[in-house]
């Protein structure tokens, strides 16, 4: 039985925005994980669309990446346009 989480289409757009902001700041998944004091697998799951940061994590991530939380999360309309929807 596989323990890999399925990719959630509504999270794909969020993951792409997170990845783009990370690249713009020159940060990789390990650097983000260290800065947020979390496991690198958590960042990988965000980028791949398996999960999305919530609450204080999205605030910490947006602060680290110098963007507003809404810029990472997007709008419901943006996320509805994600592949697979």
PDB file of N, CA and C in Angstrom:
ATOM      1  N   UNK A   1       0.844  -1.182   0.000  1.00  0.00           N
ATOM      2  CA  UNK A   1       0.000   0.000   0.000  1.00  0.00           C
ATOM      3  C   UNK A   1       0.884   1.238   0.000  1.00  0.00           C
ATOM      4  N   UNK A   2       0.605   2.155  -0.895  1.00  0.00           N
ATOM      5  CA  UNK A   2       1.385   3.373  -1.025  1.00  0.00           C
ATOM      6  C   UNK A   2       1.018   4.374   0.066  1.00  0.00           C
ATOM      7  N   UNK A   3       2.032   5.048   0.608  1.00  0.00           N
ATOM      8  CA  UNK A   3       1.780   6.076   1.608  1.00  0.00           C
ATOM      9  C   UNK A   3       1.926   7.472   1.017  1.00  0.00           C
ATOM     10  N   UNK A   4       2.123   7.567  -0.289  1.00  0.00           N
ATOM     11  CA  UNK A   4       2.243   8.855  -0.946  1.00  0.00           C
ATOM     12  C   UNK A   4       0.879   9.531  -0.987  1.00  0.00           C
ATOM     13  N   UNK A   5       0.845  10.797  -0.582  1.00  0.00           N
ATOM     14  CA  UNK A   5      -0.403  11.538  -0.607  1.00  0.00           C
ATOM     15  C   UNK A   5      -0.755  11.881  -2.048  1.00  0.00           C
ATOM     16  N   UNK A   6      -2.032  11.815  -2.405  1.00  0.00           N
ATOM     17  CA  UNK A   6      -2.420  12.197  -3.760  1.00  0.00           C
ATOM     18  C   UNK A   6      -2.284  13.704  -3.946  1.00  0.00           C
ATOM     19  N   UNK A   7      -1.970  14.103  -5.163  1.00  0.00           N
ATOM     20  CA  UNK A   7      -1.892  15.523  -5.478  1.00  0.00           C
ATOM     21  C   UNK A   7      -3.296  16.076  -5.537  1.00  0.00           C
ATOM     22  N   UNK A   8      -3.540  17.158  -4.841  1.00  0.00           N
ATOM     23  CA  UNK A   8      -4.856  17.786  -4.826  1.00  0.00           C
ATOM     24  C   UNK A   8      -4.852  18.930  -5.824  1.00  0.00           C
ATOM     25  N   UNK A   9      -5.679  18.867  -6.841  1.00  0.00           N
ATOM     26  CA  UNK A   9      -5.680  19.896  -7.889  1.00  0.00           C
ATOM     27  C   UNK A   9      -5.800  21.308  -7.352  1.00  0.00           C
ATOM     28  N   UNK A  10      -6.567  21.504  -6.290  1.00  0.00           N
ATOM     29  CA  UNK A  10      -6.722  22.856  -5.754  1.00  0.00           C
ATOM     30  C   UNK A  10      -5.450  23.386  -5.107  1.00  0.00           C
ATOM     31  N   UNK A  11      -4.484  22.513  -4.833  1.00  0.00           N
ATOM     32  CA  UNK A  11      -3.227  22.944  -4.226  1.00  0.00           C
ATOM     33  C   UNK A  11      -2.111  23.151  -5.257  1.00  0.00           C
ATOM     34  N   UNK A  12      -2.321  22.714  -6.479  1.00  0.00           N
ATOM     35  CA  UNK A  12      -1.268  22.799  -7.495  1.00  0.00           C
ATOM     36  C   UNK A  12      -0.865  24.249  -7.749  1.00  0.00           C
ATOM     37  N   UNK A  13      -1.835  25.130  -7.912  1.00  0.00           N
ATOM     38  CA  UNK A  13      -1.538  26.540  -8.184  1.00  0.00           C
ATOM     39  C   UNK A  13      -0.799  27.173  -7.012  1.00  0.00           C
ATOM     40  N   UNK A  14      -1.184  26.819  -5.796  1.00  0.00           N
ATOM     41  CA  UNK A  14      -0.509  27.344  -4.612  1.00  0.00           C
ATOM     42  C   UNK A  14       0.950  26.880  -4.611  1.00  0.00           C
ATOM     43  N   UNK A  15       1.164  25.605  -4.883  1.00  0.00           N
ATOM     44  CA  UNK A  15       2.519  25.066  -4.931  1.00  0.00           C
ATOM     45  C   UNK A  15       3.385  25.749  -5.974  1.00  0.00           C
ATOM     46  N   UNK A  16       2.808  26.041  -7.118  1.00  0.00           N
ATOM     47  CA  UNK A  16       3.560  26.730  -8.178  1.00  0.00           C
ATOM     48  C   UNK A  16       3.953  28.136  -7.753  1.00  0.00           C
ATOM     49  N   UNK A  17       3.028  28.830  -7.079  1.00  0.00           N
ATOM     50  CA  UNK A  17       3.357  30.184  -6.608  1.00  0.00           C
ATOM     51  C   UNK A  17       4.437  30.141  -5.538  1.00  0.00           C
ATOM     52  N   UNK A  18       4.354  29.176  -4.631  1.00  0.00           N
ATOM     53  CA  UNK A  18       5.382  29.041  -3.595  1.00  0.00           C
ATOM     54  C   UNK A  18       6.728  28.775  -4.250  1.00  0.00           C
ATOM     55  N   UNK A  19       6.758  27.857  -5.187  1.00  0.00           N
ATOM     56  CA  UNK A  19       8.013  27.511  -5.858  1.00  0.00           C
ATOM     57  C   UNK A  19       8.586  28.718  -6.590  1.00  0.00           C
ATOM     58  N   UNK A  20       7.739  29.468  -7.280  1.00  0.00           N
ATOM     59  CA  UNK A  20       8.217  30.647  -8.014  1.00  0.00           C
ATOM     60  C   UNK A  20       8.796  31.694  -7.062  1.00  0.00           C
ATOM     61  N   UNK A  21       8.146  31.903  -5.934  1.00  0.00           N
ATOM     62  CA  UNK A  21       8.653  32.870  -4.954  1.00  0.00           C
ATOM     63  C   UNK A  21       9.958  32.391  -4.328  1.00  0.00           C
ATOM     64  N   UNK A  22      10.052  31.083  -4.063  1.00  0.00           N
ATOM     65  CA  UNK A  22      11.297  30.527  -3.526  1.00  0.00           C
ATOM     66  C   UNK A  22      12.437  30.758  -4.509  1.00  0.00           C
ATOM     67  N   UNK A  23      12.188  30.474  -5.784  1.00  0.00           N
ATOM     68  CA  UNK A  23      13.220  30.652  -6.807  1.00  0.00           C
ATOM     69  C   UNK A  23      13.606  32.116  -6.934  1.00  0.00           C
ATOM     70  N   UNK A  24      12.637  33.013  -6.859  1.00  0.00           N
ATOM     71  CA  UNK A  24      12.919  34.444  -6.954  1.00  0.00           C
ATOM     72  C   UNK A  24      13.821  34.916  -5.817  1.00  0.00           C
ATOM     73  N   UNK A  25      13.683  34.301  -4.650  1.00  0.00           N
ATOM     74  CA  UNK A  25      14.520  34.637  -3.498  1.00  0.00           C
ATOM     75  C   UNK A  25      15.800  33.811  -3.440  1.00  0.00           C
ATOM     76  N   UNK A  26      15.959  32.869  -4.363  1.00  0.00           N
ATOM     77  CA  UNK A  26      17.148  32.020  -4.375  1.00  0.00           C
ATOM     78  C   UNK A  26      17.173  30.995  -3.260  1.00  0.00           C
ATOM     79  N   UNK A  27      15.990  30.549  -2.844  1.00  0.00           N
ATOM     80  CA  UNK A  27      15.892  29.579  -1.754  1.00  0.00           C
ATOM     81  C   UNK A  27      15.444  28.223  -2.284  1.00  0.00           C
ATOM     82  N   UNK A  28      16.066  27.175  -1.760  1.00  0.00           N
ATOM     83  CA  UNK A  28      15.611  25.832  -2.097  1.00  0.00           C
ATOM     84  C   UNK A  28      14.747  25.297  -0.955  1.00  0.00           C
ATOM     85  N   UNK A  29      14.213  24.103  -1.138  1.00  0.00           N
ATOM     86  CA  UNK A  29      13.312  23.534  -0.140  1.00  0.00           C
ATOM     87  C   UNK A  29      13.988  23.361   1.212  1.00  0.00           C
ATOM     88  N   UNK A  30      15.248  22.967   1.212  1.00  0.00           N
ATOM     89  CA  UNK A  30      15.961  22.770   2.475  1.00  0.00           C
ATOM     90  C   UNK A  30      16.145  24.079   3.221  1.00  0.00           C
ATOM     91  N   UNK A  31      16.459  25.143   2.494  1.00  0.00           N
ATOM     92  CA  UNK A  31      16.653  26.455   3.129  1.00  0.00           C
ATOM     93  C   UNK A  31      15.343  26.962   3.731  1.00  0.00           C
ATOM     94  N   UNK A  32      14.249  26.773   3.015  1.00  0.00           N
ATOM     95  CA  UNK A  32      12.943  27.186   3.530  1.00  0.00           C
ATOM     96  C   UNK A  32      12.599  26.376   4.778  1.00  0.00           C
ATOM     97  N   UNK A  33      12.823  25.086   4.720  1.00  0.00           N
ATOM     98  CA  UNK A  33      12.534  24.220   5.872  1.00  0.00           C
ATOM     99  C   UNK A  33      13.349  24.651   7.095  1.00  0.00           C
ATOM    100  N   UNK A  34      14.626  24.915   6.899  1.00  0.00           N
ATOM    101  CA  UNK A  34      15.468  25.358   8.022  1.00  0.00           C
ATOM    102  C   UNK A  34      14.959  26.673   8.595  1.00  0.00           C
ATOM    103  N   UNK A  35      14.619  27.617   7.727  1.00  0.00           N
ATOM    104  CA  UNK A  35      14.161  28.934   8.184  1.00  0.00           C
ATOM    105  C   UNK A  35      12.848  28.839   8.958  1.00  0.00           C
ATOM    106  N   UNK A  36      11.990  27.906   8.578  1.00  0.00           N
ATOM    107  CA  UNK A  36      10.694  27.749   9.235  1.00  0.00           C
ATOM    108  C   UNK A  36      10.709  26.701  10.333  1.00  0.00           C
ATOM    109  N   UNK A  37      11.849  26.053  10.514  1.00  0.00           N
ATOM    110  CA  UNK A  37      12.012  25.008  11.528  1.00  0.00           C
ATOM    111  C   UNK A  37      10.992  23.881  11.340  1.00  0.00           C
ATOM    112  N   UNK A  38      10.945  23.404  10.088  1.00  0.00           N
ATOM    113  CA  UNK A  38      10.068  22.286   9.742  1.00  0.00           C
ATOM    114  C   UNK A  38      10.871  21.275   8.937  1.00  0.00           C
ATOM    115  N   UNK A  39      10.274  20.142   8.652  1.00  0.00           N
ATOM    116  CA  UNK A  39      10.930  19.109   7.853  1.00  0.00           C
ATOM    117  C   UNK A  39      10.902  19.500   6.376  1.00  0.00           C
ATOM    118  N   UNK A  40      11.984  19.211   5.639  1.00  0.00           N
ATOM    119  CA  UNK A  40      12.001  19.503   4.203  1.00  0.00           C
ATOM    120  C   UNK A  40      10.854  18.828   3.445  1.00  0.00           C
ATOM    121  N   UNK A  41      10.393  17.696   3.934  1.00  0.00           N
ATOM    122  CA  UNK A  41       9.297  16.994   3.280  1.00  0.00           C
ATOM    123  C   UNK A  41       8.016  17.832   3.279  1.00  0.00           C
ATOM    124  N   UNK A  42       7.842  18.650   4.307  1.00  0.00           N
ATOM    125  CA  UNK A  42       6.664  19.522   4.350  1.00  0.00           C
ATOM    126  C   UNK A  42       6.704  20.522   3.207  1.00  0.00           C
ATOM    127  N   UNK A  43       7.864  21.123   2.982  1.00  0.00           N
ATOM    128  CA  UNK A  43       8.017  22.088   1.891  1.00  0.00           C
ATOM    129  C   UNK A  43       7.825  21.371   0.554  1.00  0.00           C
ATOM    130  N   UNK A  44       8.378  20.180   0.436  1.00  0.00           N
ATOM    131  CA  UNK A  44       8.227  19.404  -0.799  1.00  0.00           C
ATOM    132  C   UNK A  44       6.748  19.130  -1.078  1.00  0.00           C
ATOM    133  N   UNK A  45       5.987  18.793  -0.049  1.00  0.00           N
ATOM    134  CA  UNK A  45       4.558  18.523  -0.221  1.00  0.00           C
ATOM    135  C   UNK A  45       3.811  19.779  -0.646  1.00  0.00           C
ATOM    136  N   UNK A  46       4.210  20.943  -0.135  1.00  0.00           N
ATOM    137  CA  UNK A  46       3.586  22.195  -0.565  1.00  0.00           C
ATOM    138  C   UNK A  46       3.841  22.428  -2.046  1.00  0.00           C
ATOM    139  N   UNK A  47       5.108  22.310  -2.440  1.00  0.00           N
ATOM    140  CA  UNK A  47       5.505  22.596  -3.823  1.00  0.00           C
ATOM    141  C   UNK A  47       4.851  21.621  -4.801  1.00  0.00           C
ATOM    142  N   UNK A  48       4.681  20.378  -4.387  1.00  0.00           N
ATOM    143  CA  UNK A  48       4.100  19.354  -5.258  1.00  0.00           C
ATOM    144  C   UNK A  48       2.572  19.356  -5.259  1.00  0.00           C
ATOM    145  N   UNK A  49       1.953  20.147  -4.411  1.00  0.00           N
ATOM    146  CA  UNK A  49       0.499  20.211  -4.382  1.00  0.00           C
ATOM    147  C   UNK A  49      -0.163  19.135  -3.546  1.00  0.00           C
ATOM    148  N   UNK A  50       0.601  18.459  -2.713  1.00  0.00           N
ATOM    149  CA  UNK A  50       0.020  17.424  -1.854  1.00  0.00           C
ATOM    150  C   UNK A  50      -0.637  18.026  -0.620  1.00  0.00           C
ATOM    151  N   UNK A  51      -0.061  19.107  -0.107  1.00  0.00           N
ATOM    152  CA  UNK A  51      -0.621  19.842   1.032  1.00  0.00           C
ATOM    153  C   UNK A  51      -0.397  21.322   0.755  1.00  0.00           C
ATOM    154  N   UNK A  52      -0.918  22.140   1.623  1.00  0.00           N
ATOM    155  CA  UNK A  52      -0.683  23.582   1.513  1.00  0.00           C
ATOM    156  C   UNK A  52      -0.477  24.132   2.915  1.00  0.00           C
ATOM    157  N   UNK A  53       0.381  25.130   3.053  1.00  0.00           N
ATOM    158  CA  UNK A  53       0.591  25.692   4.392  1.00  0.00           C
ATOM    159  C   UNK A  53      -0.667  26.412   4.870  1.00  0.00           C
ATOM    160  N   UNK A  54      -0.880  26.364   6.156  1.00  0.00           N
ATOM    161  CA  UNK A  54      -2.051  26.996   6.733  1.00  0.00           C
ATOM    162  C   UNK A  54      -1.636  27.871   7.920  1.00  0.00           C
ATOM    163  N   UNK A  55      -2.517  28.767   8.301  1.00  0.00           N
ATOM    164  CA  UNK A  55      -2.349  29.558   9.513  1.00  0.00           C
ATOM    165  C   UNK A  55      -0.997  30.223   9.649  1.00  0.00           C
ATOM    166  N   UNK A  56      -0.361  29.987  10.803  1.00  0.00           N
ATOM    167  CA  UNK A  56       0.901  30.666  11.075  1.00  0.00           C
ATOM    168  C   UNK A  56       1.994  30.250  10.103  1.00  0.00           C
ATOM    169  N   UNK A  57       1.905  29.069   9.506  1.00  0.00           N
ATOM    170  CA  UNK A  57       2.921  28.649   8.529  1.00  0.00           C
ATOM    171  C   UNK A  57       2.879  29.513   7.273  1.00  0.00           C
ATOM    172  N   UNK A  58       1.682  29.827   6.794  1.00  0.00           N
ATOM    173  CA  UNK A  58       1.592  30.658   5.593  1.00  0.00           C
ATOM    174  C   UNK A  58       2.081  32.058   5.902  1.00  0.00           C
ATOM    175  N   UNK A  59       1.821  32.552   7.110  1.00  0.00           N
ATOM    176  CA  UNK A  59       2.324  33.878   7.484  1.00  0.00           C
ATOM    177  C   UNK A  59       3.847  33.868   7.565  1.00  0.00           C
ATOM    178  N   UNK A  60       4.418  32.831   8.161  1.00  0.00           N
ATOM    179  CA  UNK A  60       5.876  32.739   8.267  1.00  0.00           C
ATOM    180  C   UNK A  60       6.512  32.583   6.888  1.00  0.00           C
ATOM    181  N   UNK A  61       5.899  31.769   6.046  1.00  0.00           N
ATOM    182  CA  UNK A  61       6.428  31.555   4.695  1.00  0.00           C
ATOM    183  C   UNK A  61       6.355  32.839   3.879  1.00  0.00           C
ATOM    184  N   UNK A  62       5.238  33.544   3.946  1.00  0.00           N
ATOM    185  CA  UNK A  62       5.112  34.778   3.178  1.00  0.00           C
ATOM    186  C   UNK A  62       6.107  35.828   3.673  1.00  0.00           C
ATOM    187  N   UNK A  63       6.349  35.862   4.957  1.00  0.00           N
ATOM    188  CA  UNK A  63       7.347  36.788   5.508  1.00  0.00           C
ATOM    189  C   UNK A  63       8.741  36.430   5.000  1.00  0.00           C
ATOM    190  N   UNK A  64       9.070  35.163   5.029  1.00  0.00           N
ATOM    191  CA  UNK A  64      10.370  34.697   4.541  1.00  0.00           C
ATOM    192  C   UNK A  64      10.570  35.050   3.073  1.00  0.00           C
ATOM    193  N   UNK A  65       9.510  34.916   2.285  1.00  0.00           N
ATOM    194  CA  UNK A  65       9.594  35.141   0.840  1.00  0.00           C
ATOM    195  C   UNK A  65       9.301  36.590   0.442  1.00  0.00           C
ATOM    196  N   UNK A  66       9.030  37.449   1.429  1.00  0.00           N
ATOM    197  CA  UNK A  66       8.739  38.874   1.192  1.00  0.00           C
ATOM    198  C   UNK A  66       7.540  39.089   0.274  1.00  0.00           C
ATOM    199  N   UNK A  67       6.474  38.333   0.518  1.00  0.00           N
ATOM    200  CA  UNK A  67       5.226  38.498  -0.221  1.00  0.00           C
ATOM    201  C   UNK A  67       4.080  38.476   0.780  1.00  0.00           C
ATOM    202  N   UNK A  68       2.921  38.885   0.328  1.00  0.00           N
ATOM    203  CA  UNK A  68       1.722  38.816   1.159  1.00  0.00           C
ATOM    204  C   UNK A  68       1.157  37.394   1.094  1.00  0.00           C
ATOM    205  N   UNK A  69       0.511  36.930   2.158  1.00  0.00           N
ATOM    206  CA  UNK A  69      -0.058  35.572   2.123  1.00  0.00           C
ATOM    207  C   UNK A  69      -0.972  35.328   0.931  1.00  0.00           C
ATOM    208  N   UNK A  70      -1.779  36.310   0.560  1.00  0.00           N
ATOM    209  CA  UNK A  70      -2.699  36.121  -0.566  1.00  0.00           C
ATOM    210  C   UNK A  70      -1.956  35.897  -1.875  1.00  0.00           C
ATOM    211  N   UNK A  71      -0.714  36.407  -1.966  1.00  0.00           N
ATOM    212  CA  UNK A  71       0.061  36.190  -3.177  1.00  0.00           C
ATOM    213  C   UNK A  71       0.473  34.731  -3.322  1.00  0.00           C
ATOM    214  N   UNK A  72       0.614  34.037  -2.219  1.00  0.00           N
ATOM    215  CA  UNK A  72       0.932  32.611  -2.263  1.00  0.00           C
ATOM    216  C   UNK A  72      -0.330  31.779  -2.430  1.00  0.00           C
ATOM    217  N   UNK A  73      -1.363  32.130  -1.682  1.00  0.00           N
ATOM    218  CA  UNK A  73      -2.585  31.331  -1.694  1.00  0.00           C
ATOM    219  C   UNK A  73      -3.456  31.619  -2.899  1.00  0.00           C
ATOM    220  N   UNK A  74      -3.390  32.837  -3.437  1.00  0.00           N
ATOM    221  CA  UNK A  74      -4.218  33.192  -4.573  1.00  0.00           C
ATOM    222  C   UNK A  74      -5.675  33.300  -4.174  1.00  0.00           C
ATOM    223  N   UNK A  75      -6.511  33.413  -5.161  1.00  0.00           N
ATOM    224  CA  UNK A  75      -7.952  33.504  -4.919  1.00  0.00           C
ATOM    225  C   UNK A  75      -8.602  32.168  -5.248  1.00  0.00           C
ATOM    226  N   UNK A  76      -9.826  32.020  -4.871  1.00  0.00           N
ATOM    227  CA  UNK A  76     -10.563  30.799  -5.192  1.00  0.00           C
ATOM    228  C   UNK A  76     -10.644  30.626  -6.715  1.00  0.00           C
ATOM    229  N   UNK A  77     -10.781  31.749  -7.425  1.00  0.00           N
ATOM    230  CA  UNK A  77     -10.843  31.677  -8.889  1.00  0.00           C
ATOM    231  C   UNK A  77      -9.520  31.204  -9.472  1.00  0.00           C
ATOM    232  N   UNK A  78      -8.393  31.717  -8.932  1.00  0.00           N
ATOM    233  CA  UNK A  78      -7.081  31.268  -9.397  1.00  0.00           C
ATOM    234  C   UNK A  78      -6.930  29.770  -9.206  1.00  0.00           C
ATOM    235  N   UNK A  79      -7.303  29.293  -8.033  1.00  0.00           N
ATOM    236  CA  UNK A  79      -7.131  27.881  -7.715  1.00  0.00           C
ATOM    237  C   UNK A  79      -8.086  27.005  -8.507  1.00  0.00           C
ATOM    238  N   UNK A  80      -9.238  27.545  -8.900  1.00  0.00           N
ATOM    239  CA  UNK A  80     -10.173  26.781  -9.731  1.00  0.00           C
ATOM    240  C   UNK A  80      -9.610  26.569 -11.123  1.00  0.00           C
ATOM    241  N   UNK A  81      -8.681  27.417 -11.537  1.00  0.00           N
ATOM    242  CA  UNK A  81      -8.076  27.289 -12.859  1.00  0.00           C
ATOM    243  C   UNK A  81      -6.892  26.330 -12.878  1.00  0.00           C
ATOM    244  N   UNK A  82      -6.547  25.771 -11.718  1.00  0.00           N
ATOM    245  CA  UNK A  82      -5.425  24.839 -11.641  1.00  0.00           C
ATOM    246  C   UNK A  82      -5.694  23.629 -12.539  1.00  0.00           C
ATOM    247  N   UNK A  83      -4.639  23.048 -13.103  1.00  0.00           N
ATOM    248  CA  UNK A  83      -4.834  21.864 -13.946  1.00  0.00           C
ATOM    249  C   UNK A  83      -5.629  20.790 -13.213  1.00  0.00           C
ATOM    250  N   UNK A  84      -6.525  20.165 -13.958  1.00  0.00           N
ATOM    251  CA  UNK A  84      -7.327  19.108 -13.361  1.00  0.00           C
ATOM    252  C   UNK A  84      -8.694  19.576 -12.921  1.00  0.00           C
ATOM    253  N   UNK A  85      -8.916  20.891 -12.975  1.00  0.00           N
ATOM    254  CA  UNK A  85     -10.233  21.428 -12.583  1.00  0.00           C
ATOM    255  C   UNK A  85     -11.040  21.758 -13.812  1.00  0.00           C
TER     256      UNK A  85
END
